[in-house]
Amino acid sequence: MSIKLPVKCPSCESELVAIQLKCNHCETTVSGNFPLPELLQLSYEEQEFILSFFMSSGSLKEMSNLLKVSYPTVRNHLDDLIEKIKKIKENEN
């Protein structure tokens, strides 16, 4: 099992930010206050849903079969994710 990048504070559930990045090749380190990209601000399950949607070429019917849920359920989940990403983008501005 791979280690997942935490996106929420384990103590208070606030959003986390990256403060340091490192090149594994030359050991250069960059420090700052970097917000996470929109997709990384989603839960692991939401990211998996989007990846599955992408891999199914955006077919809600295929997603419905894959997840073993109804087409409207998949559509509603996708609509919820779209709204969540819109809110994340609005908060960045």
PDB file of N, CA and C in Angstrom:
ATOM      1  N   MET A   1       0.842  -1.183   0.000  1.00  0.00           N
ATOM      2  CA  MET A   1       0.000   0.000   0.000  1.00  0.00           C
ATOM      3  C   MET A   1       0.883   1.242   0.000  1.00  0.00           C
ATOM      4  N   SER A   2       0.600   2.172  -0.888  1.00  0.00           N
ATOM      5  CA  SER A   2       1.403   3.389  -0.957  1.00  0.00           C
ATOM      6  C   SER A   2       0.903   4.415   0.056  1.00  0.00           C
ATOM      7  N   ILE A   3       1.806   5.277   0.477  1.00  0.00           N
ATOM      8  CA  ILE A   3       1.464   6.330   1.426  1.00  0.00           C
ATOM      9  C   ILE A   3       0.741   7.435   0.668  1.00  0.00           C
ATOM     10  N   LYS A   4      -0.377   7.885   1.202  1.00  0.00           N
ATOM     11  CA  LYS A   4      -1.166   8.933   0.575  1.00  0.00           C
ATOM     12  C   LYS A   4      -0.778  10.297   1.135  1.00  0.00           C
ATOM     13  N   LEU A   5      -0.730  11.289   0.262  1.00  0.00           N
ATOM     14  CA  LEU A   5      -0.435  12.657   0.674  1.00  0.00           C
ATOM     15  C   LEU A   5      -1.608  13.184   1.492  1.00  0.00           C
ATOM     16  N   PRO A   6      -1.374  13.597   2.737  1.00  0.00           N
ATOM     17  CA  PRO A   6      -2.475  14.145   3.525  1.00  0.00           C
ATOM     18  C   PRO A   6      -2.880  15.509   2.977  1.00  0.00           C
ATOM     19  N   VAL A   7      -4.172  15.782   2.935  1.00  0.00           N
ATOM     20  CA  VAL A   7      -4.653  17.067   2.443  1.00  0.00           C
ATOM     21  C   VAL A   7      -5.418  17.831   3.519  1.00  0.00           C
ATOM     22  N   LYS A   8      -5.758  17.153   4.619  1.00  0.00           N
ATOM     23  CA  LYS A   8      -6.459  17.781   5.743  1.00  0.00           C
ATOM     24  C   LYS A   8      -5.629  17.593   7.002  1.00  0.00           C
ATOM     25  N   CYS A   9      -5.652  18.593   7.871  1.00  0.00           N
ATOM     26  CA  CYS A   9      -4.953  18.514   9.153  1.00  0.00           C
ATOM     27  C   CYS A   9      -5.590  17.402   9.993  1.00  0.00           C
ATOM     28  N   PRO A  10      -4.769  16.482  10.512  1.00  0.00           N
ATOM     29  CA  PRO A  10      -5.338  15.413  11.320  1.00  0.00           C
ATOM     30  C   PRO A  10      -5.900  15.912  12.653  1.00  0.00           C
ATOM     31  N   SER A  11      -5.544  17.110  13.055  1.00  0.00           N
ATOM     32  CA  SER A  11      -6.008  17.651  14.324  1.00  0.00           C
ATOM     33  C   SER A  11      -7.311  18.437  14.182  1.00  0.00           C
ATOM     34  N   CYS A  12      -7.362  19.366  13.208  1.00  0.00           N
ATOM     35  CA  CYS A  12      -8.525  20.259  13.113  1.00  0.00           C
ATOM     36  C   CYS A  12      -9.275  20.178  11.787  1.00  0.00           C
ATOM     37  N   GLU A  13      -8.805  19.329  10.866  1.00  0.00           N
ATOM     38  CA  GLU A  13      -9.457  19.139   9.556  1.00  0.00           C
ATOM     39  C   GLU A  13      -9.312  20.331   8.609  1.00  0.00           C
ATOM     40  N   SER A  14      -8.444  21.314   8.924  1.00  0.00           N
ATOM     41  CA  SER A  14      -8.202  22.430   8.007  1.00  0.00           C
ATOM     42  C   SER A  14      -7.362  21.951   6.834  1.00  0.00           C
ATOM     43  N   GLU A  15      -7.375  22.738   5.750  1.00  0.00           N
ATOM     44  CA  GLU A  15      -6.597  22.397   4.566  1.00  0.00           C
ATOM     45  C   GLU A  15      -5.100  22.557   4.834  1.00  0.00           C
ATOM     46  N   LEU A  16      -4.310  21.645   4.325  1.00  0.00           N
ATOM     47  CA  LEU A  16      -2.858  21.725   4.447  1.00  0.00           C
ATOM     48  C   LEU A  16      -2.264  22.410   3.220  1.00  0.00           C
ATOM     49  N   VAL A  17      -1.066  22.974   3.360  1.00  0.00           N
ATOM     50  CA  VAL A  17      -0.315  23.549   2.249  1.00  0.00           C
ATOM     51  C   VAL A  17       1.073  22.930   2.249  1.00  0.00           C
ATOM     52  N   ALA A  18       1.706  22.918   1.089  1.00  0.00           N
ATOM     53  CA  ALA A  18       3.084  22.430   0.990  1.00  0.00           C
ATOM     54  C   ALA A  18       4.017  23.587   1.315  1.00  0.00           C
ATOM     55  N   ILE A  19       5.023  23.324   2.131  1.00  0.00           N
ATOM     56  CA  ILE A  19       5.972  24.399   2.466  1.00  0.00           C
ATOM     57  C   ILE A  19       7.367  24.116   1.941  1.00  0.00           C
ATOM     58  N   GLN A  20       7.595  22.886   1.487  1.00  0.00           N
ATOM     59  CA  GLN A  20       8.927  22.573   0.976  1.00  0.00           C
ATOM     60  C   GLN A  20       8.836  21.483  -0.089  1.00  0.00           C
ATOM     61  N   LEU A  21       9.585  21.681  -1.171  1.00  0.00           N
ATOM     62  CA  LEU A  21       9.690  20.703  -2.240  1.00  0.00           C
ATOM     63  C   LEU A  21      11.160  20.397  -2.456  1.00  0.00           C
ATOM     64  N   LYS A  22      11.468  19.145  -2.800  1.00  0.00           N
ATOM     65  CA  LYS A  22      12.871  18.757  -2.955  1.00  0.00           C
ATOM     66  C   LYS A  22      13.052  17.934  -4.223  1.00  0.00           C
ATOM     67  N   CYS A  23      14.116  18.214  -4.944  1.00  0.00           N
ATOM     68  CA  CYS A  23      14.486  17.430  -6.119  1.00  0.00           C
ATOM     69  C   CYS A  23      15.275  16.210  -5.645  1.00  0.00           C
ATOM     70  N   ASN A  24      14.814  15.024  -5.955  1.00  0.00           N
ATOM     71  CA  ASN A  24      15.525  13.809  -5.553  1.00  0.00           C
ATOM     72  C   ASN A  24      16.800  13.588  -6.367  1.00  0.00           C
ATOM     73  N   HIS A  25      16.921  14.270  -7.490  1.00  0.00           N
ATOM     74  CA  HIS A  25      18.101  14.101  -8.338  1.00  0.00           C
ATOM     75  C   HIS A  25      19.283  14.921  -7.829  1.00  0.00           C
ATOM     76  N   CYS A  26      19.080  16.228  -7.654  1.00  0.00           N
ATOM     77  CA  CYS A  26      20.201  17.096  -7.277  1.00  0.00           C
ATOM     78  C   CYS A  26      20.115  17.623  -5.848  1.00  0.00           C
ATOM     79  N   GLU A  27      19.089  17.234  -5.123  1.00  0.00           N
ATOM     80  CA  GLU A  27      18.907  17.626  -3.724  1.00  0.00           C
ATOM     81  C   GLU A  27      18.559  19.101  -3.522  1.00  0.00           C
ATOM     82  N   THR A  28      18.215  19.827  -4.601  1.00  0.00           N
ATOM     83  CA  THR A  28      17.787  21.214  -4.451  1.00  0.00           C
ATOM     84  C   THR A  28      16.469  21.230  -3.678  1.00  0.00           C
ATOM     85  N   THR A  29      16.351  22.174  -2.740  1.00  0.00           N
ATOM     86  CA  THR A  29      15.143  22.332  -1.951  1.00  0.00           C
ATOM     87  C   THR A  29      14.559  23.716  -2.199  1.00  0.00           C
ATOM     88  N   VAL A  30      13.249  23.762  -2.389  1.00  0.00           N
ATOM     89  CA  VAL A  30      12.534  25.016  -2.587  1.00  0.00           C
ATOM     90  C   VAL A  30      11.549  25.150  -1.432  1.00  0.00           C
ATOM     91  N   SER A  31      11.629  26.278  -0.720  1.00  0.00           N
ATOM     92  CA  SER A  31      10.726  26.517   0.407  1.00  0.00           C
ATOM     93  C   SER A  31       9.796  27.667   0.082  1.00  0.00           C
ATOM     94  N   GLY A  32       8.605  27.605   0.600  1.00  0.00           N
ATOM     95  CA  GLY A  32       7.608  28.649   0.390  1.00  0.00           C
ATOM     96  C   GLY A  32       6.288  28.201   0.978  1.00  0.00           C
ATOM     97  N   ASN A  33       5.226  28.821   0.545  1.00  0.00           N
ATOM     98  CA  ASN A  33       3.882  28.480   0.999  1.00  0.00           C
ATOM     99  C   ASN A  33       3.053  28.189  -0.244  1.00  0.00           C
ATOM    100  N   PHE A  34       2.999  26.931  -0.645  1.00  0.00           N
ATOM    101  CA  PHE A  34       2.380  26.546  -1.907  1.00  0.00           C
ATOM    102  C   PHE A  34       1.025  25.886  -1.668  1.00  0.00           C
ATOM    103  N   PRO A  35      -0.051  26.466  -2.202  1.00  0.00           N
ATOM    104  CA  PRO A  35      -1.350  25.798  -2.063  1.00  0.00           C
ATOM    105  C   PRO A  35      -1.353  24.513  -2.891  1.00  0.00           C
ATOM    106  N   LEU A  36      -2.106  23.537  -2.437  1.00  0.00           N
ATOM    107  CA  LEU A  36      -2.221  22.298  -3.194  1.00  0.00           C
ATOM    108  C   LEU A  36      -3.072  22.532  -4.442  1.00  0.00           C
ATOM    109  N   PRO A  37      -2.755  21.866  -5.550  1.00  0.00           N
ATOM    110  CA  PRO A  37      -3.606  21.958  -6.741  1.00  0.00           C
ATOM    111  C   PRO A  37      -5.030  21.494  -6.414  1.00  0.00           C
ATOM    112  N   GLU A  38      -5.981  21.945  -7.202  1.00  0.00           N
ATOM    113  CA  GLU A  38      -7.394  21.655  -6.945  1.00  0.00           C
ATOM    114  C   GLU A  38      -7.654  20.161  -6.726  1.00  0.00           C
ATOM    115  N   LEU A  39      -7.127  19.318  -7.607  1.00  0.00           N
ATOM    116  CA  LEU A  39      -7.421  17.891  -7.505  1.00  0.00           C
ATOM    117  C   LEU A  39      -6.838  17.263  -6.245  1.00  0.00           C
ATOM    118  N   LEU A  40      -5.726  17.800  -5.755  1.00  0.00           N
ATOM    119  CA  LEU A  40      -5.144  17.272  -4.526  1.00  0.00           C
ATOM    120  C   LEU A  40      -5.891  17.737  -3.278  1.00  0.00           C
ATOM    121  N   GLN A  41      -6.765  18.714  -3.438  1.00  0.00           N
ATOM    122  CA  GLN A  41      -7.578  19.174  -2.320  1.00  0.00           C
ATOM    123  C   GLN A  41      -8.812  18.305  -2.119  1.00  0.00           C
ATOM    124  N   LEU A  42      -9.035  17.381  -3.048  1.00  0.00           N
ATOM    125  CA  LEU A  42     -10.148  16.437  -2.930  1.00  0.00           C
ATOM    126  C   LEU A  42      -9.713  15.242  -2.100  1.00  0.00           C
ATOM    127  N   SER A  43     -10.685  14.536  -1.555  1.00  0.00           N
ATOM    128  CA  SER A  43     -10.368  13.326  -0.794  1.00  0.00           C
ATOM    129  C   SER A  43      -9.804  12.265  -1.747  1.00  0.00           C
ATOM    130  N   TYR A  44      -9.154  11.276  -1.162  1.00  0.00           N
ATOM    131  CA  TYR A  44      -8.607  10.177  -1.962  1.00  0.00           C
ATOM    132  C   TYR A  44      -9.715   9.499  -2.774  1.00  0.00           C
ATOM    133  N   GLU A  45     -10.875   9.286  -2.170  1.00  0.00           N
ATOM    134  CA  GLU A  45     -11.997   8.637  -2.861  1.00  0.00           C
ATOM    135  C   GLU A  45     -12.484   9.480  -4.036  1.00  0.00           C
ATOM    136  N   GLU A  46     -12.533  10.806  -3.843  1.00  0.00           N
ATOM    137  CA  GLU A  46     -12.947  11.700  -4.929  1.00  0.00           C
ATOM    138  C   GLU A  46     -11.929  11.677  -6.063  1.00  0.00           C
ATOM    139  N   GLN A  47     -10.641  11.637  -5.718  1.00  0.00           N
ATOM    140  CA  GLN A  47      -9.597  11.552  -6.736  1.00  0.00           C
ATOM    141  C   GLN A  47      -9.724  10.243  -7.512  1.00  0.00           C
ATOM    142  N   GLU A  48      -9.994   9.156  -6.811  1.00  0.00           N
ATOM    143  CA  GLU A  48     -10.172   7.853  -7.462  1.00  0.00           C
ATOM    144  C   GLU A  48     -11.371   7.869  -8.403  1.00  0.00           C
ATOM    145  N   PHE A  49     -12.447   8.521  -8.005  1.00  0.00           N
ATOM    146  CA  PHE A  49     -13.627   8.636  -8.851  1.00  0.00           C
ATOM    147  C   PHE A  49     -13.266   9.367 -10.143  1.00  0.00           C
ATOM    148  N   ILE A  50     -12.566  10.485 -10.015  1.00  0.00           N
ATOM    149  CA  ILE A  50     -12.179  11.265 -11.200  1.00  0.00           C
ATOM    150  C   ILE A  50     -11.249  10.459 -12.102  1.00  0.00           C
ATOM    151  N   LEU A  51     -10.305   9.737 -11.520  1.00  0.00           N
ATOM    152  CA  LEU A  51      -9.403   8.906 -12.309  1.00  0.00           C
ATOM    153  C   LEU A  51     -10.180   7.808 -13.049  1.00  0.00           C
ATOM    154  N   SER A  52     -11.118   7.172 -12.372  1.00  0.00           N
ATOM    155  CA  SER A  52     -11.947   6.147 -13.013  1.00  0.00           C
ATOM    156  C   SER A  52     -12.785   6.750 -14.134  1.00  0.00           C
ATOM    157  N   PHE A  53     -13.318   7.942 -13.898  1.00  0.00           N
ATOM    158  CA  PHE A  53     -14.103   8.647 -14.919  1.00  0.00           C
ATOM    159  C   PHE A  53     -13.241   8.918 -16.145  1.00  0.00           C
ATOM    160  N   PHE A  54     -12.024   9.385 -15.918  1.00  0.00           N
ATOM    161  CA  PHE A  54     -11.091   9.659 -17.005  1.00  0.00           C
ATOM    162  C   PHE A  54     -10.763   8.373 -17.774  1.00  0.00           C
ATOM    163  N   MET A  55     -10.451   7.305 -17.031  1.00  0.00           N
ATOM    164  CA  MET A  55     -10.069   6.032 -17.657  1.00  0.00           C
ATOM    165  C   MET A  55     -11.224   5.381 -18.408  1.00  0.00           C
ATOM    166  N   SER A  56     -12.452   5.732 -18.057  1.00  0.00           N
ATOM    167  CA  SER A  56     -13.614   5.203 -18.777  1.00  0.00           C
ATOM    168  C   SER A  56     -14.031   6.146 -19.902  1.00  0.00           C
ATOM    169  N   SER A  57     -13.150   7.052 -20.276  1.00  0.00           N
ATOM    170  CA  SER A  57     -13.390   8.038 -21.348  1.00  0.00           C
ATOM    171  C   SER A  57     -14.617   8.903 -21.082  1.00  0.00           C
ATOM    172  N   GLY A  58     -14.887   9.147 -19.800  1.00  0.00           N
ATOM    173  CA  GLY A  58     -16.004  10.016 -19.450  1.00  0.00           C
ATOM    174  C   GLY A  58     -17.364   9.363 -19.614  1.00  0.00           C
ATOM    175  N   SER A  59     -17.410   8.050 -19.690  1.00  0.00           N
ATOM    176  CA  SER A  59     -18.681   7.346 -19.860  1.00  0.00           C
ATOM    177  C   SER A  59     -19.349   7.122 -18.511  1.00  0.00           C
ATOM    178  N   LEU A  60     -20.455   7.823 -18.289  1.00  0.00           N
ATOM    179  CA  LEU A  60     -21.192   7.639 -17.043  1.00  0.00           C
ATOM    180  C   LEU A  60     -21.808   6.245 -16.982  1.00  0.00           C
ATOM    181  N   LYS A  61     -22.181   5.719 -18.136  1.00  0.00           N
ATOM    182  CA  LYS A  61     -22.738   4.363 -18.178  1.00  0.00           C
ATOM    183  C   LYS A  61     -21.691   3.347 -17.723  1.00  0.00           C
ATOM    184  N   GLU A  62     -20.465   3.481 -18.213  1.00  0.00           N
ATOM    185  CA  GLU A  62     -19.395   2.581 -17.798  1.00  0.00           C
ATOM    186  C   GLU A  62     -19.075   2.762 -16.315  1.00  0.00           C
ATOM    187  N   MET A  63     -19.089   4.005 -15.839  1.00  0.00           N
ATOM    188  CA  MET A  63     -18.858   4.269 -14.423  1.00  0.00           C
ATOM    189  C   MET A  63     -19.939   3.619 -13.564  1.00  0.00           C
ATOM    190  N   SER A  64     -21.164   3.673 -14.041  1.00  0.00           N
ATOM    191  CA  SER A  64     -22.273   3.049 -13.335  1.00  0.00           C
ATOM    192  C   SER A  64     -22.048   1.551 -13.187  1.00  0.00           C
ATOM    193  N   ASN A  65     -21.615   0.914 -14.258  1.00  0.00           N
ATOM    194  CA  ASN A  65     -21.331  -0.528 -14.213  1.00  0.00           C
ATOM    195  C   ASN A  65     -20.130  -0.820 -13.307  1.00  0.00           C
ATOM    196  N   LEU A  66     -19.097  -0.013 -13.413  1.00  0.00           N
ATOM    197  CA  LEU A  66     -17.884  -0.208 -12.621  1.00  0.00           C
ATOM    198  C   LEU A  66     -18.165  -0.085 -11.123  1.00  0.00           C
ATOM    199  N   LEU A  67     -18.934   0.932 -10.751  1.00  0.00           N
ATOM    200  CA  LEU A  67     -19.219   1.193  -9.340  1.00  0.00           C
ATOM    201  C   LEU A  67     -20.428   0.419  -8.817  1.00  0.00           C
ATOM    202  N   LYS A  68     -21.152  -0.218  -9.751  1.00  0.00           N
ATOM    203  CA  LYS A  68     -22.348  -0.984  -9.396  1.00  0.00           C
ATOM    204  C   LYS A  68     -23.401  -0.114  -8.700  1.00  0.00           C
ATOM    205  N   VAL A  69     -23.597   1.073  -9.264  1.00  0.00           N
ATOM    206  CA  VAL A  69     -24.633   1.993  -8.796  1.00  0.00           C
ATOM    207  C   VAL A  69     -25.387   2.499 -10.008  1.00  0.00           C
ATOM    208  N   SER A  70     -26.498   3.152  -9.777  1.00  0.00           N
ATOM    209  CA  SER A  70     -27.310   3.637 -10.889  1.00  0.00           C
ATOM    210  C   SER A  70     -26.637   4.808 -11.611  1.00  0.00           C
ATOM    211  N   TYR A  71     -27.040   4.990 -12.858  1.00  0.00           N
ATOM    212  CA  TYR A  71     -26.546   6.104 -13.662  1.00  0.00           C
ATOM    213  C   TYR A  71     -26.805   7.444 -12.958  1.00  0.00           C
ATOM    214  N   PRO A  72     -28.043   7.689 -12.454  1.00  0.00           N
ATOM    215  CA  PRO A  72     -28.281   8.968 -11.764  1.00  0.00           C
ATOM    216  C   PRO A  72     -27.379   9.171 -10.538  1.00  0.00           C
ATOM    217  N   THR A  73     -27.033   8.098  -9.843  1.00  0.00           N
ATOM    218  CA  THR A  73     -26.140   8.217  -8.692  1.00  0.00           C
ATOM    219  C   THR A  73     -24.761   8.689  -9.136  1.00  0.00           C
ATOM    220  N   VAL A  74     -24.264   8.119 -10.232  1.00  0.00           N
ATOM    221  CA  VAL A  74     -22.968   8.530 -10.773  1.00  0.00           C
ATOM    222  C   VAL A  74     -23.040   9.984 -11.223  1.00  0.00           C
ATOM    223  N   ARG A  75     -24.116  10.343 -11.901  1.00  0.00           N
ATOM    224  CA  ARG A  75     -24.298  11.722 -12.385  1.00  0.00           C
ATOM    225  C   ARG A  75     -24.307  12.699 -11.215  1.00  0.00           C
ATOM    226  N   ASN A  76     -25.025  12.351 -10.142  1.00  0.00           N
ATOM    227  CA  ASN A  76     -25.091  13.223  -8.961  1.00  0.00           C
ATOM    228  C   ASN A  76     -23.725  13.362  -8.299  1.00  0.00           C
ATOM    229  N   HIS A  77     -22.995  12.261  -8.223  1.00  0.00           N
ATOM    230  CA  HIS A  77     -21.653  12.310  -7.620  1.00  0.00           C
ATOM    231  C   HIS A  77     -20.733  13.212  -8.450  1.00  0.00           C
ATOM    232  N   LEU A  78     -20.813  13.082  -9.765  1.00  0.00           N
ATOM    233  CA  LEU A  78     -20.008  13.927 -10.642  1.00  0.00           C
ATOM    234  C   LEU A  78     -20.401  15.394 -10.492  1.00  0.00           C
ATOM    235  N   ASP A  79     -21.696  15.671 -10.447  1.00  0.00           N
ATOM    236  CA  ASP A  79     -22.164  17.052 -10.264  1.00  0.00           C
ATOM    237  C   ASP A  79     -21.665  17.628  -8.936  1.00  0.00           C
ATOM    238  N   ASP A  80     -21.694  16.804  -7.877  1.00  0.00           N
ATOM    239  CA  ASP A  80     -21.194  17.255  -6.573  1.00  0.00           C
ATOM    240  C   ASP A  80     -19.706  17.594  -6.637  1.00  0.00           C
ATOM    241  N   LEU A  81     -18.942  16.761  -7.339  1.00  0.00           N
ATOM    242  CA  LEU A  81     -17.503  17.021  -7.483  1.00  0.00           C
ATOM    243  C   LEU A  81     -17.246  18.292  -8.288  1.00  0.00           C
ATOM    244  N   ILE A  82     -18.025  18.504  -9.325  1.00  0.00           N
ATOM    245  CA  ILE A  82     -17.880  19.719 -10.135  1.00  0.00           C
ATOM    246  C   ILE A  82     -18.115  20.949  -9.257  1.00  0.00           C
ATOM    247  N   GLU A  83     -19.166  20.914  -8.436  1.00  0.00           N
ATOM    248  CA  GLU A  83     -19.461  22.037  -7.546  1.00  0.00           C
ATOM    249  C   GLU A  83     -18.353  22.243  -6.518  1.00  0.00           C
ATOM    250  N   LYS A  84     -17.832  21.158  -5.986  1.00  0.00           N
ATOM    251  CA  LYS A  84     -16.752  21.253  -4.998  1.00  0.00           C
ATOM    252  C   LYS A  84     -15.513  21.893  -5.620  1.00  0.00           C
ATOM    253  N   ILE A  85     -15.161  21.482  -6.833  1.00  0.00           N
ATOM    254  CA  ILE A  85     -13.984  22.046  -7.504  1.00  0.00           C
ATOM    255  C   ILE A  85     -14.218  23.521  -7.832  1.00  0.00           C
ATOM    256  N   LYS A  86     -15.428  23.889  -8.224  1.00  0.00           N
ATOM    257  CA  LYS A  86     -15.749  25.306  -8.477  1.00  0.00           C
ATOM    258  C   LYS A  86     -15.532  26.136  -7.219  1.00  0.00           C
ATOM    259  N   LYS A  87     -15.971  25.613  -6.071  1.00  0.00           N
ATOM    260  CA  LYS A  87     -15.797  26.336  -4.807  1.00  0.00           C
ATOM    261  C   LYS A  87     -14.317  26.461  -4.446  1.00  0.00           C
ATOM    262  N   ILE A  88     -13.561  25.402  -4.674  1.00  0.00           N
ATOM    263  CA  ILE A  88     -12.118  25.462  -4.414  1.00  0.00           C
ATOM    264  C   ILE A  88     -11.478  26.536  -5.273  1.00  0.00           C
ATOM    265  N   LYS A  89     -11.837  26.578  -6.550  1.00  0.00           N
ATOM    266  CA  LYS A  89     -11.268  27.573  -7.460  1.00  0.00           C
ATOM    267  C   LYS A  89     -11.663  28.993  -7.052  1.00  0.00           C
ATOM    268  N   GLU A  90     -12.911  29.177  -6.604  1.00  0.00           N
ATOM    269  CA  GLU A  90     -13.372  30.494  -6.154  1.00  0.00           C
ATOM    270  C   GLU A  90     -12.578  30.958  -4.938  1.00  0.00           C
ATOM    271  N   ASN A  91     -12.288  30.036  -4.033  1.00  0.00           N
ATOM    272  CA  ASN A  91     -11.542  30.390  -2.812  1.00  0.00           C
ATOM    273  C   ASN A  91     -10.098  30.749  -3.100  1.00  0.00           C
ATOM    274  N   GLU A  92      -9.564  30.313  -4.244  1.00  0.00           N
ATOM    275  CA  GLU A  92      -8.200  30.646  -4.611  1.00  0.00           C
ATOM    276  C   GLU A  92      -8.073  32.072  -5.107  1.00  0.00           C
ATOM    277  N   ASN A  93      -9.161  32.629  -5.600  1.00  0.00           N
ATOM    278  CA  ASN A  93      -9.122  33.988  -6.178  1.00  0.00           C
ATOM    279  C   ASN A  93      -9.347  35.042  -5.159  1.00  0.00           C
TER     280      ASN A  93
END
